[in-house]
Protein backbone atom coordinates (compact mmCIF):
# COMPACT_ATOMS: atom_id res chain seq x y z
CA MET A 1 -7.44 8.07 3.88
CA PRO A 2 -6.58 7.48 7.55
CA HIS A 3 -8.81 4.85 9.06
CA ARG A 4 -11.55 5.13 6.42
CA TYR A 5 -11.32 1.39 5.90
CA ALA A 6 -9.80 0.56 9.28
CA ALA A 7 -10.36 -3.04 10.17
CA GLY A 8 -12.21 -2.37 13.37
CA ALA A 9 -14.55 0.10 11.65
CA ILE A 10 -15.97 -2.35 9.10
CA PRO A 11 -19.06 -4.28 10.10
CA GLY A 12 -18.36 -7.95 9.66
CA PHE A 13 -14.58 -7.65 9.87
CA CYS A 14 -14.67 -9.74 13.05
CA PRO A 15 -16.29 -12.72 11.38
CA GLY A 16 -18.52 -15.06 13.26
CA PRO A 17 -19.43 -18.65 12.60
CA GLY A 18 -22.54 -17.65 10.67
CA ARG A 19 -20.79 -15.84 7.81
CA ASP A 20 -21.85 -16.81 4.30
CA LYS A 21 -21.23 -15.85 0.73
CA ILE A 22 -22.81 -12.63 -0.53
CA PRO A 23 -26.29 -13.58 -1.77
CA GLY A 24 -26.43 -14.11 -5.52
CA MET A 25 -22.67 -13.78 -6.06
CA SER A 26 -20.88 -16.64 -7.80
CA THR A 27 -17.27 -17.52 -7.08
CA LEU A 28 -16.21 -16.12 -10.45
CA ALA A 29 -17.95 -12.83 -9.75
CA LEU A 30 -16.37 -12.74 -6.29
CA LEU A 31 -12.90 -13.17 -7.80
CA GLY A 32 -13.63 -10.49 -10.39
CA LEU A 33 -14.66 -8.15 -7.60
CA GLY A 34 -11.46 -8.94 -5.71
CA PHE A 35 -9.29 -8.16 -8.74
CA ALA A 36 -11.15 -4.88 -9.40
CA LEU A 37 -10.86 -3.83 -5.75
CA GLY A 38 -7.16 -4.67 -5.86
CA LEU A 39 -6.65 -2.36 -8.84
CA ARG A 40 -8.60 0.37 -7.08
CA HIS A 41 -6.73 -0.17 -3.82
CA ALA A 42 -3.42 0.47 -5.58
CA ALA A 43 -4.57 4.01 -6.37
CA ASP A 44 -4.99 5.06 -2.73
CA PRO A 45 -3.16 8.38 -2.18
CA ASP A 46 -0.79 7.07 0.48
CA HIS A 47 0.27 4.21 -1.81
CA VAL A 48 0.91 6.47 -4.79
CA ILE A 49 2.82 9.04 -2.75
CA ALA A 50 5.04 6.44 -1.09
CA VAL A 51 5.98 4.62 -4.29
CA THR A 52 6.43 7.85 -6.27
CA ALA A 53 8.84 9.19 -3.66
CA ILE A 54 10.90 6.00 -3.87
CA ALA A 55 10.74 5.54 -7.65
CA SER A 56 11.65 9.19 -8.34
CA ARG A 57 15.29 8.25 -7.82
CA TYR A 58 15.33 6.23 -11.05
CA LYS A 59 15.86 7.81 -14.46
CA ARG A 60 14.48 4.85 -16.41
CA ALA A 61 10.90 3.63 -16.42
CA GLY A 62 11.75 -0.08 -16.16
CA PRO A 63 13.57 -0.02 -12.80
CA ALA A 64 10.99 2.43 -11.45
CA ALA A 65 8.15 0.08 -12.41
CA ARG A 66 9.99 -2.69 -10.58
CA VAL A 67 9.69 -0.60 -7.42
CA GLY A 68 5.91 -0.63 -7.82
CA ALA A 69 5.90 -4.39 -8.31
CA VAL A 70 8.08 -4.94 -5.24
CA TRP A 71 5.75 -2.73 -3.20
CA GLY A 72 2.85 -4.90 -4.39
CA LEU A 73 4.66 -8.05 -3.32
CA GLY A 74 5.23 -6.74 0.18
CA HIS A 75 1.63 -5.56 0.43
CA THR A 76 0.29 -8.91 -0.77
CA LEU A 77 2.48 -10.85 1.67
CA THR A 78 1.18 -9.19 4.83
CA LEU A 79 -2.37 -9.04 3.50
CA ALA A 80 -2.22 -12.79 2.83
CA LEU A 81 -1.07 -13.45 6.39
CA VAL A 82 -3.77 -11.26 7.94
CA GLY A 83 -6.46 -12.47 5.56
CA GLY A 84 -5.42 -16.07 6.09
CA GLY A 85 -5.86 -15.61 9.82
CA VAL A 86 -9.32 -14.15 9.27
CA ILE A 87 -10.34 -17.05 7.02
CA LEU A 88 -8.81 -19.97 8.87
CA PHE A 89 -8.85 -18.89 12.50
CA ASN A 90 -11.60 -16.24 12.71
CA LEU A 91 -9.11 -13.70 13.96
CA ALA A 92 -10.20 -10.15 14.76
CA VAL A 93 -8.14 -6.95 14.68
CA PRO A 94 -9.00 -4.59 17.57
CA PRO A 95 -9.70 -0.99 16.48
CA ARG A 96 -6.72 0.39 18.40
CA VAL A 97 -4.37 -2.08 16.73
CA ALA A 98 -5.77 -1.07 13.33
CA LEU A 99 -5.09 2.57 14.22
CA ALA A 100 -1.54 1.66 15.23
CA PHE A 101 -1.02 0.11 11.78
CA GLU A 102 -2.28 3.32 10.18
CA PHE A 103 0.08 5.34 12.36
CA ALA A 104 2.96 3.13 11.21
CA VAL A 105 2.10 4.08 7.62
CA GLY A 106 2.47 7.74 8.58
CA ILE A 107 5.86 7.03 10.13
CA ALA A 108 7.00 5.17 7.02
CA LEU A 109 5.87 7.99 4.71
CA THR A 110 7.68 10.52 6.89
CA VAL A 111 10.91 8.49 6.88
CA VAL A 112 10.84 8.08 3.09
CA GLY A 113 10.22 11.81 2.72
CA MET A 114 13.10 12.70 5.03
CA LEU A 115 15.45 10.37 3.15
CA ASN A 116 14.55 12.05 -0.14
CA VAL A 117 14.90 15.57 1.23
CA ALA A 118 18.20 14.83 2.98
CA GLY A 119 19.59 12.58 0.25
CA ARG A 120 22.44 13.40 -2.07
CA GLY A 121 22.30 13.91 -5.81
CA GLY A 122 19.47 13.19 -8.18
CA PHE A 123 18.89 9.86 -9.92
CA ALA A 124 20.20 6.53 -8.72
CA SER A 125 22.49 4.62 -11.02
CA ASP A 126 21.15 1.34 -12.38
CA VAL A 127 24.60 -0.22 -11.91
CA ASP A 128 25.33 1.29 -8.51
CA PRO A 129 25.29 -1.38 -5.77
CA GLY A 130 23.21 1.02 -3.70
CA ALA A 131 20.57 1.29 -6.41
CA GLY A 132 18.74 -1.71 -4.96
CA ILE A 133 18.00 0.19 -1.75
CA PRO A 134 14.89 1.89 -3.20
CA SER A 135 13.46 -1.54 -4.00
CA LEU A 136 14.06 -2.64 -0.42
CA ARG A 137 12.35 0.50 0.85
CA ALA A 138 9.41 -0.17 -1.44
CA PHE A 139 9.11 -3.73 -0.14
CA VAL A 140 9.10 -2.55 3.48
CA MET A 141 6.53 0.12 2.64
CA GLY A 142 4.37 -2.55 1.03
CA LEU A 143 4.61 -4.69 4.16
CA VAL A 144 3.51 -1.77 6.34
CA HIS A 145 0.66 -0.78 4.05
CA GLY A 146 -0.53 -4.38 3.94
CA LEU A 147 -1.01 -4.22 7.71
CA ALA A 148 -2.75 -0.86 7.68
CA GLY A 149 -6.47 -0.48 8.03
CA SER A 150 -7.03 0.53 4.41
CA ALA A 151 -6.23 -3.05 3.39
CA ALA A 152 -9.44 -4.07 5.16
CA VAL A 153 -11.20 -3.22 1.90
CA ALA A 154 -10.17 -6.73 0.90
CA LEU A 155 -11.26 -8.27 4.18
CA LEU A 156 -14.72 -6.73 3.88
CA VAL A 157 -15.63 -9.43 1.37
CA LEU A 158 -13.62 -12.10 3.15
CA ALA A 159 -15.83 -11.67 6.20
CA THR A 160 -18.83 -12.81 4.16
CA VAL A 161 -17.28 -15.93 2.60
CA ARG A 162 -17.92 -19.32 4.14
CA GLU A 163 -15.65 -21.48 1.97
CA PRO A 164 -11.95 -21.12 2.89
CA VAL A 165 -10.86 -21.97 -0.67
CA ALA A 166 -13.01 -19.21 -2.18
CA GLY A 167 -11.75 -16.77 0.44
CA CYS A 168 -8.10 -17.60 -0.24
CA LEU A 169 -8.63 -17.31 -3.99
CA TYR A 170 -10.29 -13.95 -3.48
CA LEU A 171 -7.35 -12.79 -1.39
CA LEU A 172 -4.92 -13.96 -4.08
CA VAL A 173 -6.62 -12.12 -6.93
CA PHE A 174 -6.97 -9.01 -4.77
CA GLY A 175 -3.21 -9.09 -4.21
CA LEU A 176 -2.54 -9.64 -7.91
CA GLY A 177 -4.81 -6.72 -8.76
CA THR A 178 -2.98 -4.49 -6.30
CA LEU A 179 0.41 -5.59 -7.63
CA LEU A 180 -0.60 -4.98 -11.25
CA GLY A 181 -2.26 -1.68 -10.41
CA MET A 182 0.76 -0.35 -8.53
CA THR A 183 3.11 -1.45 -11.30
CA LEU A 184 1.03 0.35 -13.92
CA ILE A 185 0.71 3.48 -11.78
CA THR A 186 4.44 3.60 -11.14
CA LEU A 187 5.18 3.02 -14.81
CA SER A 188 2.85 5.84 -15.86
CA LEU A 189 4.51 8.20 -13.38
CA ALA A 190 8.04 7.10 -14.25
CA SER A 191 7.69 7.62 -18.00
CA PRO A 192 7.55 11.45 -17.85
CA VAL A 193 10.31 11.36 -15.24
CA ALA A 194 12.51 9.44 -17.67
CA LEU A 195 11.72 11.95 -20.41
CA ALA A 196 12.57 14.86 -18.12
CA SER A 197 15.87 13.27 -17.14
CA ARG A 198 16.95 13.16 -20.78
CA ARG A 199 16.08 16.81 -21.38
CA TRP A 200 17.09 18.47 -18.12
CA SER A 201 20.01 17.13 -16.12
CA TRP A 202 18.92 18.99 -13.00
CA SER A 203 15.50 17.37 -12.88
CA GLY A 204 16.63 14.48 -10.66
CA ARG A 205 17.38 16.69 -7.67
CA GLY A 206 14.17 18.66 -8.12
CA LEU A 207 12.01 15.53 -8.35
CA ARG A 208 13.69 14.00 -5.33
CA LEU A 209 13.04 17.10 -3.24
CA ALA A 210 9.47 17.57 -4.47
CA THR A 211 8.40 13.97 -3.86
CA GLY A 212 10.21 13.96 -0.53
CA LEU A 213 8.37 17.05 0.69
CA VAL A 214 5.00 15.64 -0.40
CA SER A 215 5.70 12.33 1.34
CA LEU A 216 6.92 14.11 4.47
CA ALA A 217 3.84 16.34 4.64
CA PHE A 218 1.38 13.52 3.98
CA GLY A 219 3.09 11.28 6.53
CA ALA A 220 2.78 14.00 9.17
CA TYR A 221 -0.90 14.41 8.29
CA VAL A 222 -1.54 10.67 8.61
CA MET A 223 0.16 10.53 12.01
CA PHE A 224 -1.80 13.52 13.30
CA GLN A 225 -5.11 12.27 11.90
CA THR A 226 -4.65 8.74 13.22
CA GLY A 227 -2.95 9.56 16.49
CA TRP A 228 -5.10 12.43 17.72
CA VAL A 229 -8.20 12.90 15.54
CA GLU A 230 -9.02 9.18 15.25
CA GLY A 231 -8.03 8.62 18.87
CA LEU A 232 -4.99 6.30 18.94
CA PHE A 233 -3.48 8.45 21.68
CA GLY A 234 -5.86 9.37 24.44
CA GLY A 235 -8.94 7.70 22.93
CA ASN A 236 -11.27 5.47 24.87
């Protein structure tokens, strides 16, 4: 995951004045590709782990699915800003900045994991004023992931599009695909959680701890991989 699709590692991410549409690809096909890539992008391991750790605090599938949708909104917002800069202003993201975004994802995953491990109780109450905090965390996580290098999967096609309107439409459908994909993934994961909560009252604490440990471990892996293996710290 770390830096596989980092912005600076993709040929054509720093678009030049000679970019053009992919040969033989119509606008409709381009939008279909964007939607399909958005659905696929939602299934990246770091996305699933982050949202699962946050949504595990809910004992009903509906509120948990809302967490996935909120994550998608945050992701789409930052991706639209970055992609808009690429389309309209020919902006480029230096490789080290892309690595820093990836490292921020690792930090966010670690923080979410620590909150789950150190948290109290099991499931959040749907009527508790504090129950909206997981949605806020999901939104922030979406913002961070939207900045990370893996989101450059979307910008790979943007770098080949000449028409700003087609590029913006592509970016929009990519975001919608990611939002829908994350909502469906969260819903599919939350349904068995809801079933378990009705059968075993202790399941909330166990799920919170399990998802927290996974998020904590994966966040530490991302930080190590990005910071030292990929060369954020000490690289040329």
